Structure formats: C-alpha cells, structure tokens
Amino acid sequence: MEKERAYGTGMWAWLLQRVTGLLLVFYLFIHIVWAHGIKTPFDFMFVEFKTAVFILLLLVLPHALNGFRVFAIDFGIEDRTQKLLFWALVIIGVLVIIWGVP
C-alpha cells in the first residue's frame, strides 16, 4: 500500500525548519572562522558586519518562529489553528525582516 504524501503548510514549515537549521550551522562555522581571523580559501565569502547580521536575521527569525509554532503544536492546537498560526508568523517574520533591512 502506497503512503499518501502531504504537501500542505506543514510540509513547507518542516522543510523551512530543516533548511534554516542547516544554514545556521554553516553560518556558525563561518562566524567562528571569521571571529578568530583564520585565513581560509573562503575569505571572499566574508561580508561587512551589517550584511552578516542581516543574513543572521534571515536565518534565525524563520527558524525561531517556526519553533514557536512547533511548540504550540505540542500543546495540541487544531489543524486549522496551525495553518493560521503559520501564516500569521510568516507575516510577522516578513515585517521584522523588512524592518531590519540595512
């Protein structure tokens, strides 16, 4: 029997959480290398401070807001409320990102 796949907001939220988490680990590695002044072949990737903080905002904000949504799901909110919460947090995230543009 074939398993039915769900392509709703839950799948996109799950994918967003995984991608931003992976990119945050990569960002952390770059930050440690950058903060300690280690010379690498990747020195062309280092950007000015404002841009680096904005990139961090782009990664942390969706990851944190989606984590809040998952926390709310653990308390047993309904499916309709989950979707509404997801889109409300997307709007809040976009507004904060626009506000944080350098």
PDB file of N, CA and C in Angstrom:
ATOM      1  N   MET A   1       0.839  -1.174   0.000  1.00  0.00           N
ATOM      2  CA  MET A   1       0.000   0.000   0.000  1.00  0.00           C
ATOM      3  C   MET A   1       0.887   1.241   0.000  1.00  0.00           C
ATOM      4  N   GLU A   2       0.551   2.158  -0.870  1.00  0.00           N
ATOM      5  CA  GLU A   2       1.343   3.375  -1.008  1.00  0.00           C
ATOM      6  C   GLU A   2       0.925   4.404   0.029  1.00  0.00           C
ATOM      7  N   LYS A   3       1.911   5.064   0.576  1.00  0.00           N
ATOM      8  CA  LYS A   3       1.641   6.086   1.590  1.00  0.00           C
ATOM      9  C   LYS A   3       1.276   7.405   0.910  1.00  0.00           C
ATOM     10  N   GLU A   4       0.228   8.043   1.405  1.00  0.00           N
ATOM     11  CA  GLU A   4      -0.181   9.326   0.842  1.00  0.00           C
ATOM     12  C   GLU A   4       0.753  10.418   1.351  1.00  0.00           C
ATOM     13  N   ARG A   5       1.167  11.303   0.455  1.00  0.00           N
ATOM     14  CA  ARG A   5       2.075  12.384   0.826  1.00  0.00           C
ATOM     15  C   ARG A   5       1.278  13.658   1.042  1.00  0.00           C
ATOM     16  N   ALA A   6       1.702  14.420   2.031  1.00  0.00           N
ATOM     17  CA  ALA A   6       1.030  15.681   2.336  1.00  0.00           C
ATOM     18  C   ALA A   6       1.919  16.840   1.894  1.00  0.00           C
ATOM     19  N   TYR A   7       1.381  17.702   1.050  1.00  0.00           N
ATOM     20  CA  TYR A   7       2.127  18.846   0.549  1.00  0.00           C
ATOM     21  C   TYR A   7       1.497  20.151   1.027  1.00  0.00           C
ATOM     22  N   GLY A   8       1.115  20.225   2.272  1.00  0.00           N
ATOM     23  CA  GLY A   8       0.478  21.422   2.805  1.00  0.00           C
ATOM     24  C   GLY A   8       1.469  22.325   3.522  1.00  0.00           C
ATOM     25  N   THR A   9       0.922  23.202   4.333  1.00  0.00           N
ATOM     26  CA  THR A   9       1.776  24.144   5.060  1.00  0.00           C
ATOM     27  C   THR A   9       2.703  23.431   6.034  1.00  0.00           C
ATOM     28  N   GLY A  10       2.264  22.299   6.564  1.00  0.00           N
ATOM     29  CA  GLY A  10       3.111  21.550   7.498  1.00  0.00           C
ATOM     30  C   GLY A  10       4.396  21.060   6.853  1.00  0.00           C
ATOM     31  N   MET A  11       4.295  20.590   5.600  1.00  0.00           N
ATOM     32  CA  MET A  11       5.485  20.127   4.893  1.00  0.00           C
ATOM     33  C   MET A  11       6.443  21.283   4.632  1.00  0.00           C
ATOM     34  N   TRP A  12       5.892  22.433   4.206  1.00  0.00           N
ATOM     35  CA  TRP A  12       6.750  23.589   3.930  1.00  0.00           C
ATOM     36  C   TRP A  12       7.371  24.123   5.210  1.00  0.00           C
ATOM     37  N   ALA A  13       6.631  24.099   6.299  1.00  0.00           N
ATOM     38  CA  ALA A  13       7.181  24.532   7.586  1.00  0.00           C
ATOM     39  C   ALA A  13       8.305  23.591   8.025  1.00  0.00           C
ATOM     40  N   TRP A  14       8.099  22.287   7.839  1.00  0.00           N
ATOM     41  CA  TRP A  14       9.122  21.301   8.199  1.00  0.00           C
ATOM     42  C   TRP A  14      10.379  21.526   7.366  1.00  0.00           C
ATOM     43  N   LEU A  15      10.192  21.721   6.060  1.00  0.00           N
ATOM     44  CA  LEU A  15      11.330  21.943   5.166  1.00  0.00           C
ATOM     45  C   LEU A  15      12.065  23.237   5.515  1.00  0.00           C
ATOM     46  N   LEU A  16      11.320  24.297   5.798  1.00  0.00           N
ATOM     47  CA  LEU A  16      11.926  25.570   6.194  1.00  0.00           C
ATOM     48  C   LEU A  16      12.755  25.405   7.469  1.00  0.00           C
ATOM     49  N   GLN A  17      12.237  24.658   8.427  1.00  0.00           N
ATOM     50  CA  GLN A  17      12.949  24.438   9.686  1.00  0.00           C
ATOM     51  C   GLN A  17      14.269  23.708   9.440  1.00  0.00           C
ATOM     52  N   ARG A  18      14.239  22.690   8.588  1.00  0.00           N
ATOM     53  CA  ARG A  18      15.454  21.913   8.322  1.00  0.00           C
ATOM     54  C   ARG A  18      16.488  22.724   7.548  1.00  0.00           C
ATOM     55  N   VAL A  19      16.046  23.461   6.542  1.00  0.00           N
ATOM     56  CA  VAL A  19      16.974  24.238   5.709  1.00  0.00           C
ATOM     57  C   VAL A  19      17.608  25.362   6.524  1.00  0.00           C
ATOM     58  N   THR A  20      16.793  26.101   7.289  1.00  0.00           N
ATOM     59  CA  THR A  20      17.359  27.192   8.087  1.00  0.00           C
ATOM     60  C   THR A  20      18.278  26.651   9.179  1.00  0.00           C
ATOM     61  N   GLY A  21      17.968  25.503   9.742  1.00  0.00           N
ATOM     62  CA  GLY A  21      18.844  24.902  10.745  1.00  0.00           C
ATOM     63  C   GLY A  21      20.198  24.538  10.161  1.00  0.00           C
ATOM     64  N   LEU A  22      20.191  23.944   8.972  1.00  0.00           N
ATOM     65  CA  LEU A  22      21.438  23.584   8.299  1.00  0.00           C
ATOM     66  C   LEU A  22      22.248  24.830   7.949  1.00  0.00           C
ATOM     67  N   LEU A  23      21.579  25.859   7.439  1.00  0.00           N
ATOM     68  CA  LEU A  23      22.273  27.097   7.097  1.00  0.00           C
ATOM     69  C   LEU A  23      22.808  27.815   8.334  1.00  0.00           C
ATOM     70  N   LEU A  24      22.112  27.696   9.458  1.00  0.00           N
ATOM     71  CA  LEU A  24      22.612  28.292  10.703  1.00  0.00           C
ATOM     72  C   LEU A  24      23.885  27.595  11.181  1.00  0.00           C
ATOM     73  N   VAL A  25      23.963  26.294  11.018  1.00  0.00           N
ATOM     74  CA  VAL A  25      25.188  25.569  11.369  1.00  0.00           C
ATOM     75  C   VAL A  25      26.337  26.033  10.484  1.00  0.00           C
ATOM     76  N   PHE A  26      26.076  26.193   9.183  1.00  0.00           N
ATOM     77  CA  PHE A  26      27.083  26.684   8.254  1.00  0.00           C
ATOM     78  C   PHE A  26      27.505  28.115   8.627  1.00  0.00           C
ATOM     79  N   TYR A  27      26.527  28.951   8.953  1.00  0.00           N
ATOM     80  CA  TYR A  27      26.804  30.334   9.362  1.00  0.00           C
ATOM     81  C   TYR A  27      27.658  30.358  10.639  1.00  0.00           C
ATOM     82  N   LEU A  28      27.346  29.474  11.576  1.00  0.00           N
ATOM     83  CA  LEU A  28      28.113  29.411  12.817  1.00  0.00           C
ATOM     84  C   LEU A  28      29.569  29.053  12.540  1.00  0.00           C
ATOM     85  N   PHE A  29      29.794  28.101  11.627  1.00  0.00           N
ATOM     86  CA  PHE A  29      31.147  27.731  11.250  1.00  0.00           C
ATOM     87  C   PHE A  29      31.886  28.935  10.661  1.00  0.00           C
ATOM     88  N   ILE A  30      31.232  29.638   9.738  1.00  0.00           N
ATOM     89  CA  ILE A  30      31.855  30.818   9.125  1.00  0.00           C
ATOM     90  C   ILE A  30      32.129  31.889  10.176  1.00  0.00           C
ATOM     91  N   HIS A  31      31.190  32.068  11.097  1.00  0.00           N
ATOM     92  CA  HIS A  31      31.360  33.085  12.137  1.00  0.00           C
ATOM     93  C   HIS A  31      32.565  32.781  13.027  1.00  0.00           C
ATOM     94  N   ILE A  32      32.723  31.536  13.403  1.00  0.00           N
ATOM     95  CA  ILE A  32      33.855  31.159  14.255  1.00  0.00           C
ATOM     96  C   ILE A  32      35.172  31.388  13.522  1.00  0.00           C
ATOM     97  N   VAL A  33      35.217  30.987  12.261  1.00  0.00           N
ATOM     98  CA  VAL A  33      36.429  31.192  11.469  1.00  0.00           C
ATOM     99  C   VAL A  33      36.713  32.688  11.333  1.00  0.00           C
ATOM    100  N   TRP A  34      35.684  33.465  11.057  1.00  0.00           N
ATOM    101  CA  TRP A  34      35.812  34.911  10.861  1.00  0.00           C
ATOM    102  C   TRP A  34      36.229  35.605  12.162  1.00  0.00           C
ATOM    103  N   ALA A  35      35.617  35.225  13.265  1.00  0.00           N
ATOM    104  CA  ALA A  35      35.897  35.871  14.545  1.00  0.00           C
ATOM    105  C   ALA A  35      37.323  35.600  15.027  1.00  0.00           C
ATOM    106  N   HIS A  36      37.879  34.464  14.663  1.00  0.00           N
ATOM    107  CA  HIS A  36      39.232  34.123  15.095  1.00  0.00           C
ATOM    108  C   HIS A  36      40.292  34.511  14.074  1.00  0.00           C
ATOM    109  N   GLY A  37      39.866  35.118  12.985  1.00  0.00           N
ATOM    110  CA  GLY A  37      40.818  35.619  11.993  1.00  0.00           C
ATOM    111  C   GLY A  37      41.592  34.542  11.268  1.00  0.00           C
ATOM    112  N   ILE A  38      41.034  33.355  11.147  1.00  0.00           N
ATOM    113  CA  ILE A  38      41.711  32.258  10.460  1.00  0.00           C
ATOM    114  C   ILE A  38      41.627  32.487   8.950  1.00  0.00           C
ATOM    115  N   LYS A  39      42.742  32.419   8.274  1.00  0.00           N
ATOM    116  CA  LYS A  39      42.769  32.610   6.823  1.00  0.00           C
ATOM    117  C   LYS A  39      42.391  31.305   6.134  1.00  0.00           C
ATOM    118  N   THR A  40      41.423  31.389   5.243  1.00  0.00           N
ATOM    119  CA  THR A  40      40.962  30.217   4.508  1.00  0.00           C
ATOM    120  C   THR A  40      40.785  30.585   3.041  1.00  0.00           C
ATOM    121  N   PRO A  41      40.583  29.595   2.188  1.00  0.00           N
ATOM    122  CA  PRO A  41      40.276  29.888   0.782  1.00  0.00           C
ATOM    123  C   PRO A  41      38.899  30.546   0.618  1.00  0.00           C
ATOM    124  N   PHE A  42      38.081  30.536   1.686  1.00  0.00           N
ATOM    125  CA  PHE A  42      36.731  31.083   1.613  1.00  0.00           C
ATOM    126  C   PHE A  42      36.666  32.541   2.061  1.00  0.00           C
ATOM    127  N   ASP A  43      37.783  33.248   2.105  1.00  0.00           N
ATOM    128  CA  ASP A  43      37.787  34.631   2.579  1.00  0.00           C
ATOM    129  C   ASP A  43      36.923  35.551   1.725  1.00  0.00           C
ATOM    130  N   PHE A  44      36.677  35.181   0.474  1.00  0.00           N
ATOM    131  CA  PHE A  44      35.823  36.007  -0.378  1.00  0.00           C
ATOM    132  C   PHE A  44      34.383  36.030   0.127  1.00  0.00           C
ATOM    133  N   MET A  45      34.016  35.071   0.984  1.00  0.00           N
ATOM    134  CA  MET A  45      32.642  34.987   1.475  1.00  0.00           C
ATOM    135  C   MET A  45      32.358  35.970   2.599  1.00  0.00           C
ATOM    136  N   PHE A  46      33.387  36.514   3.216  1.00  0.00           N
ATOM    137  CA  PHE A  46      33.180  37.386   4.357  1.00  0.00           C
ATOM    138  C   PHE A  46      32.679  38.738   3.887  1.00  0.00           C
ATOM    139  N   VAL A  47      31.597  39.151   4.481  1.00  0.00           N
ATOM    140  CA  VAL A  47      30.938  40.392   4.090  1.00  0.00           C
ATOM    141  C   VAL A  47      31.037  41.382   5.237  1.00  0.00           C
ATOM    142  N   GLU A  48      30.582  42.601   5.009  1.00  0.00           N
ATOM    143  CA  GLU A  48      30.634  43.582   6.084  1.00  0.00           C
ATOM    144  C   GLU A  48      29.661  43.194   7.196  1.00  0.00           C
ATOM    145  N   PHE A  49      29.837  43.785   8.361  1.00  0.00           N
ATOM    146  CA  PHE A  49      29.119  43.388   9.563  1.00  0.00           C
ATOM    147  C   PHE A  49      27.604  43.523   9.421  1.00  0.00           C
ATOM    148  N   LYS A  50      27.121  44.639   8.851  1.00  0.00           N
ATOM    149  CA  LYS A  50      25.673  44.842   8.716  1.00  0.00           C
ATOM    150  C   LYS A  50      25.036  43.753   7.856  1.00  0.00           C
ATOM    151  N   THR A  51      25.702  43.381   6.808  1.00  0.00           N
ATOM    152  CA  THR A  51      25.179  42.342   5.928  1.00  0.00           C
ATOM    153  C   THR A  51      25.168  40.997   6.635  1.00  0.00           C
ATOM    154  N   ALA A  52      26.213  40.719   7.401  1.00  0.00           N
ATOM    155  CA  ALA A  52      26.281  39.460   8.143  1.00  0.00           C
ATOM    156  C   ALA A  52      25.152  39.373   9.170  1.00  0.00           C
ATOM    157  N   VAL A  53      24.865  40.472   9.841  1.00  0.00           N
ATOM    158  CA  VAL A  53      23.778  40.489  10.827  1.00  0.00           C
ATOM    159  C   VAL A  53      22.431  40.306  10.127  1.00  0.00           C
ATOM    160  N   PHE A  54      22.263  40.905   8.961  1.00  0.00           N
ATOM    161  CA  PHE A  54      21.020  40.740   8.210  1.00  0.00           C
ATOM    162  C   PHE A  54      20.841  39.293   7.752  1.00  0.00           C
ATOM    163  N   ILE A  55      21.913  38.656   7.313  1.00  0.00           N
ATOM    164  CA  ILE A  55      21.839  37.242   6.930  1.00  0.00           C
ATOM    165  C   ILE A  55      21.455  36.399   8.137  1.00  0.00           C
ATOM    166  N   LEU A  56      22.028  36.715   9.279  1.00  0.00           N
ATOM    167  CA  LEU A  56      21.677  36.003  10.504  1.00  0.00           C
ATOM    168  C   LEU A  56      20.203  36.195  10.836  1.00  0.00           C
ATOM    169  N   LEU A  57      19.691  37.402  10.671  1.00  0.00           N
ATOM    170  CA  LEU A  57      18.269  37.674  10.891  1.00  0.00           C
ATOM    171  C   LEU A  57      17.408  36.848   9.942  1.00  0.00           C
ATOM    172  N   LEU A  58      17.821  36.761   8.672  1.00  0.00           N
ATOM    173  CA  LEU A  58      17.068  35.981   7.689  1.00  0.00           C
ATOM    174  C   LEU A  58      17.012  34.497   8.045  1.00  0.00           C
ATOM    175  N   LEU A  59      18.016  34.009   8.743  1.00  0.00           N
ATOM    176  CA  LEU A  59      18.045  32.597   9.106  1.00  0.00           C
ATOM    177  C   LEU A  59      17.396  32.328  10.462  1.00  0.00           C
ATOM    178  N   VAL A  60      17.694  33.155  11.442  1.00  0.00           N
ATOM    179  CA  VAL A  60      17.220  32.905  12.804  1.00  0.00           C
ATOM    180  C   VAL A  60      15.719  33.144  12.941  1.00  0.00           C
ATOM    181  N   LEU A  61      15.222  34.204  12.329  1.00  0.00           N
ATOM    182  CA  LEU A  61      13.819  34.559  12.508  1.00  0.00           C
ATOM    183  C   LEU A  61      12.856  33.461  12.043  1.00  0.00           C
ATOM    184  N   PRO A  62      12.964  32.953  10.816  1.00  0.00           N
ATOM    185  CA  PRO A  62      12.039  31.876  10.428  1.00  0.00           C
ATOM    186  C   PRO A  62      12.234  30.619  11.272  1.00  0.00           C
ATOM    187  N   HIS A  63      13.478  30.324  11.621  1.00  0.00           N
ATOM    188  CA  HIS A  63      13.748  29.135  12.423  1.00  0.00           C
ATOM    189  C   HIS A  63      13.105  29.258  13.808  1.00  0.00           C
ATOM    190  N   ALA A  64      13.244  30.413  14.422  1.00  0.00           N
ATOM    191  CA  ALA A  64      12.682  30.626  15.761  1.00  0.00           C
ATOM    192  C   ALA A  64      11.159  30.673  15.736  1.00  0.00           C
ATOM    193  N   LEU A  65      10.586  31.375  14.758  1.00  0.00           N
ATOM    194  CA  LEU A  65       9.130  31.468  14.699  1.00  0.00           C
ATOM    195  C   LEU A  65       8.501  30.111  14.393  1.00  0.00           C
ATOM    196  N   ASN A  66       9.133  29.339  13.540  1.00  0.00           N
ATOM    197  CA  ASN A  66       8.618  28.005  13.266  1.00  0.00           C
ATOM    198  C   ASN A  66       8.780  27.098  14.488  1.00  0.00           C
ATOM    199  N   GLY A  67       9.834  27.304  15.245  1.00  0.00           N
ATOM    200  CA  GLY A  67       9.988  26.567  16.501  1.00  0.00           C
ATOM    201  C   GLY A  67       8.871  26.890  17.475  1.00  0.00           C
ATOM    202  N   PHE A  68       8.453  28.146  17.504  1.00  0.00           N
ATOM    203  CA  PHE A  68       7.319  28.538  18.332  1.00  0.00           C
ATOM    204  C   PHE A  68       6.049  27.826  17.869  1.00  0.00           C
ATOM    205  N   ARG A  69       5.873  27.712  16.555  1.00  0.00           N
ATOM    206  CA  ARG A  69       4.708  27.006  16.011  1.00  0.00           C
ATOM    207  C   ARG A  69       4.723  25.535  16.414  1.00  0.00           C
ATOM    208  N   VAL A  70       5.887  24.911  16.340  1.00  0.00           N
ATOM    209  CA  VAL A  70       6.009  23.508  16.737  1.00  0.00           C
ATOM    210  C   VAL A  70       5.714  23.350  18.230  1.00  0.00           C
ATOM    211  N   PHE A  71       6.167  24.304  19.026  1.00  0.00           N
ATOM    212  CA  PHE A  71       5.886  24.300  20.460  1.00  0.00           C
ATOM    213  C   PHE A  71       4.381  24.356  20.699  1.00  0.00           C
ATOM    214  N   ALA A  72       3.674  25.190  19.933  1.00  0.00           N
ATOM    215  CA  ALA A  72       2.223  25.302  20.068  1.00  0.00           C
ATOM    216  C   ALA A  72       1.532  24.004  19.629  1.00  0.00           C
ATOM    217  N   ILE A  73       2.069  23.350  18.605  1.00  0.00           N
ATOM    218  CA  ILE A  73       1.502  22.080  18.147  1.00  0.00           C
ATOM    219  C   ILE A  73       1.633  21.021  19.239  1.00  0.00           C
ATOM    220  N   ASP A  74       2.744  21.036  19.956  1.00  0.00           N
ATOM    221  CA  ASP A  74       2.937  20.089  21.057  1.00  0.00           C
ATOM    222  C   ASP A  74       1.880  20.238  22.137  1.00  0.00           C
ATOM    223  N   PHE A  75       1.280  21.413  22.237  1.00  0.00           N
ATOM    224  CA  PHE A  75       0.205  21.625  23.202  1.00  0.00           C
ATOM    225  C   PHE A  75      -1.158  21.251  22.633  1.00  0.00           C
ATOM    226  N   GLY A  76      -1.194  20.776  21.381  1.00  0.00           N
ATOM    227  CA  GLY A  76      -2.406  20.200  20.821  1.00  0.00           C
ATOM    228  C   GLY A  76      -3.365  21.164  20.157  1.00  0.00           C
ATOM    229  N   ILE A  77      -2.871  22.183  19.468  1.00  0.00           N
ATOM    230  CA  ILE A  77      -3.781  23.070  18.761  1.00  0.00           C
ATOM    231  C   ILE A  77      -4.337  22.362  17.528  1.00  0.00           C
ATOM    232  N   GLU A  78      -5.480  22.806  17.046  1.00  0.00           N
ATOM    233  CA  GLU A  78      -6.159  22.158  15.922  1.00  0.00           C
ATOM    234  C   GLU A  78      -5.437  22.446  14.602  1.00  0.00           C
ATOM    235  N   ASP A  79      -5.757  21.642  13.586  1.00  0.00           N
ATOM    236  CA  ASP A  79      -5.121  21.796  12.271  1.00  0.00           C
ATOM    237  C   ASP A  79      -5.377  23.179  11.673  1.00  0.00           C
ATOM    238  N   ARG A  80      -6.599  23.650  11.744  1.00  0.00           N
ATOM    239  CA  ARG A  80      -6.928  24.967  11.185  1.00  0.00           C
ATOM    240  C   ARG A  80      -6.146  26.056  11.916  1.00  0.00           C
ATOM    241  N   THR A  81      -6.033  25.932  13.215  1.00  0.00           N
ATOM    242  CA  THR A  81      -5.288  26.913  14.006  1.00  0.00           C
ATOM    243  C   THR A  81      -3.805  26.851  13.678  1.00  0.00           C
ATOM    244  N   GLN A  82      -3.286  25.663  13.378  1.00  0.00           N
ATOM    245  CA  GLN A  82      -1.884  25.526  12.996  1.00  0.00           C
ATOM    246  C   GLN A  82      -1.595  26.303  11.718  1.00  0.00           C
ATOM    247  N   LYS A  83      -2.479  26.178  10.737  1.00  0.00           N
ATOM    248  CA  LYS A  83      -2.285  26.891   9.473  1.00  0.00           C
ATOM    249  C   LYS A  83      -2.367  28.399   9.676  1.00  0.00           C
ATOM    250  N   LEU A  84      -3.339  28.831  10.461  1.00  0.00           N
ATOM    251  CA  LEU A  84      -3.467  30.262  10.743  1.00  0.00           C
ATOM    252  C   LEU A  84      -2.235  30.782  11.475  1.00  0.00           C
ATOM    253  N   LEU A  85      -1.749  30.013  12.441  1.00  0.00           N
ATOM    254  CA  LEU A  85      -0.560  30.408  13.188  1.00  0.00           C
ATOM    255  C   LEU A  85       0.652  30.474  12.272  1.00  0.00           C
ATOM    256  N   PHE A  86       0.781  29.509  11.364  1.00  0.00           N
ATOM    257  CA  PHE A  86       1.900  29.506  10.421  1.00  0.00           C
ATOM    258  C   PHE A  86       1.894  30.783   9.593  1.00  0.00           C
ATOM    259  N   TRP A  87       0.752  31.125   9.008  1.00  0.00           N
ATOM    260  CA  TRP A  87       0.692  32.303   8.142  1.00  0.00           C
ATOM    261  C   TRP A  87       0.814  33.595   8.930  1.00  0.00           C
ATOM    262  N   ALA A  88       0.305  33.623  10.147  1.00  0.00           N
ATOM    263  CA  ALA A  88       0.476  34.814  10.994  1.00  0.00           C
ATOM    264  C   ALA A  88       1.954  35.017  11.321  1.00  0.00           C
ATOM    265  N   LEU A  89       2.662  33.938  11.622  1.00  0.00           N
ATOM    266  CA  LEU A  89       4.087  34.039  11.929  1.00  0.00           C
ATOM    267  C   LEU A  89       4.904  34.388  10.686  1.00  0.00           C
ATOM    268  N   VAL A  90       4.463  33.921   9.516  1.00  0.00           N
ATOM    269  CA  VAL A  90       5.137  34.312   8.267  1.00  0.00           C
ATOM    270  C   VAL A  90       5.025  35.817   8.067  1.00  0.00           C
ATOM    271  N   ILE A  91       3.829  36.362   8.282  1.00  0.00           N
ATOM    272  CA  ILE A  91       3.622  37.803   8.120  1.00  0.00           C
ATOM    273  C   ILE A  91       4.461  38.580   9.130  1.00  0.00           C
ATOM    274  N   ILE A  92       4.473  38.143  10.379  1.00  0.00           N
ATOM    275  CA  ILE A  92       5.291  38.802  11.402  1.00  0.00           C
ATOM    276  C   ILE A  92       6.766  38.739  11.016  1.00  0.00           C
ATOM    277  N   GLY A  93       7.218  37.582  10.556  1.00  0.00           N
ATOM    278  CA  GLY A  93       8.616  37.421  10.149  1.00  0.00           C
ATOM    279  C   GLY A  93       8.991  38.333   8.997  1.00  0.00           C
ATOM    280  N   VAL A  94       8.122  38.410   7.990  1.00  0.00           N
ATOM    281  CA  VAL A  94       8.403  39.274   6.839  1.00  0.00           C
ATOM    282  C   VAL A  94       8.474  40.741   7.281  1.00  0.00           C
ATOM    283  N   LEU A  95       7.564  41.156   8.158  1.00  0.00           N
ATOM    284  CA  LEU A  95       7.582  42.539   8.640  1.00  0.00           C
ATOM    285  C   LEU A  95       8.851  42.842   9.426  1.00  0.00           C
ATOM    286  N   VAL A  96       9.292  41.917  10.255  1.00  0.00           N
ATOM    287  CA  VAL A  96      10.523  42.136  11.023  1.00  0.00           C
ATOM    288  C   VAL A  96      11.730  42.168  10.095  1.00  0.00           C
ATOM    289  N   ILE A  97      11.756  41.325   9.086  1.00  0.00           N
ATOM    290  CA  ILE A  97      12.864  41.315   8.124  1.00  0.00           C
ATOM    291  C   ILE A  97      12.898  42.630   7.347  1.00  0.00           C
ATOM    292  N   ILE A  98      11.727  43.107   6.913  1.00  0.00           N
ATOM    293  CA  ILE A  98      11.677  44.401   6.206  1.00  0.00           C
ATOM    294  C   ILE A  98      12.167  45.505   7.112  1.00  0.00           C
ATOM    295  N   TRP A  99      11.778  45.472   8.381  1.00  0.00           N
ATOM    296  CA  TRP A  99      12.214  46.481   9.344  1.00  0.00           C
ATOM    297  C   TRP A  99      13.732  46.416   9.561  1.00  0.00           C
ATOM    298  N   GLY A 100      14.315  45.212   9.445  1.00  0.00           N
ATOM    299  CA  GLY A 100      15.724  45.028   9.713  1.00  0.00           C
ATOM    300  C   GLY A 100      16.640  45.192   8.517  1.00  0.00           C
ATOM    301  N   VAL A 101      16.102  45.575   7.358  1.00  0.00           N
ATOM    302  CA  VAL A 101      16.924  45.744   6.151  1.00  0.00           C
ATOM    303  C   VAL A 101      17.961  46.842   6.402  1.00  0.00           C
ATOM    304  N   PRO A 102      19.258  46.536   6.144  1.00  0.00           N
ATOM    305  CA  PRO A 102      20.300  47.538   6.423  1.00  0.00           C
ATOM    306  C   PRO A 102      20.265  48.698   5.449  1.00  0.00           C
TER     307      PRO A 102
END
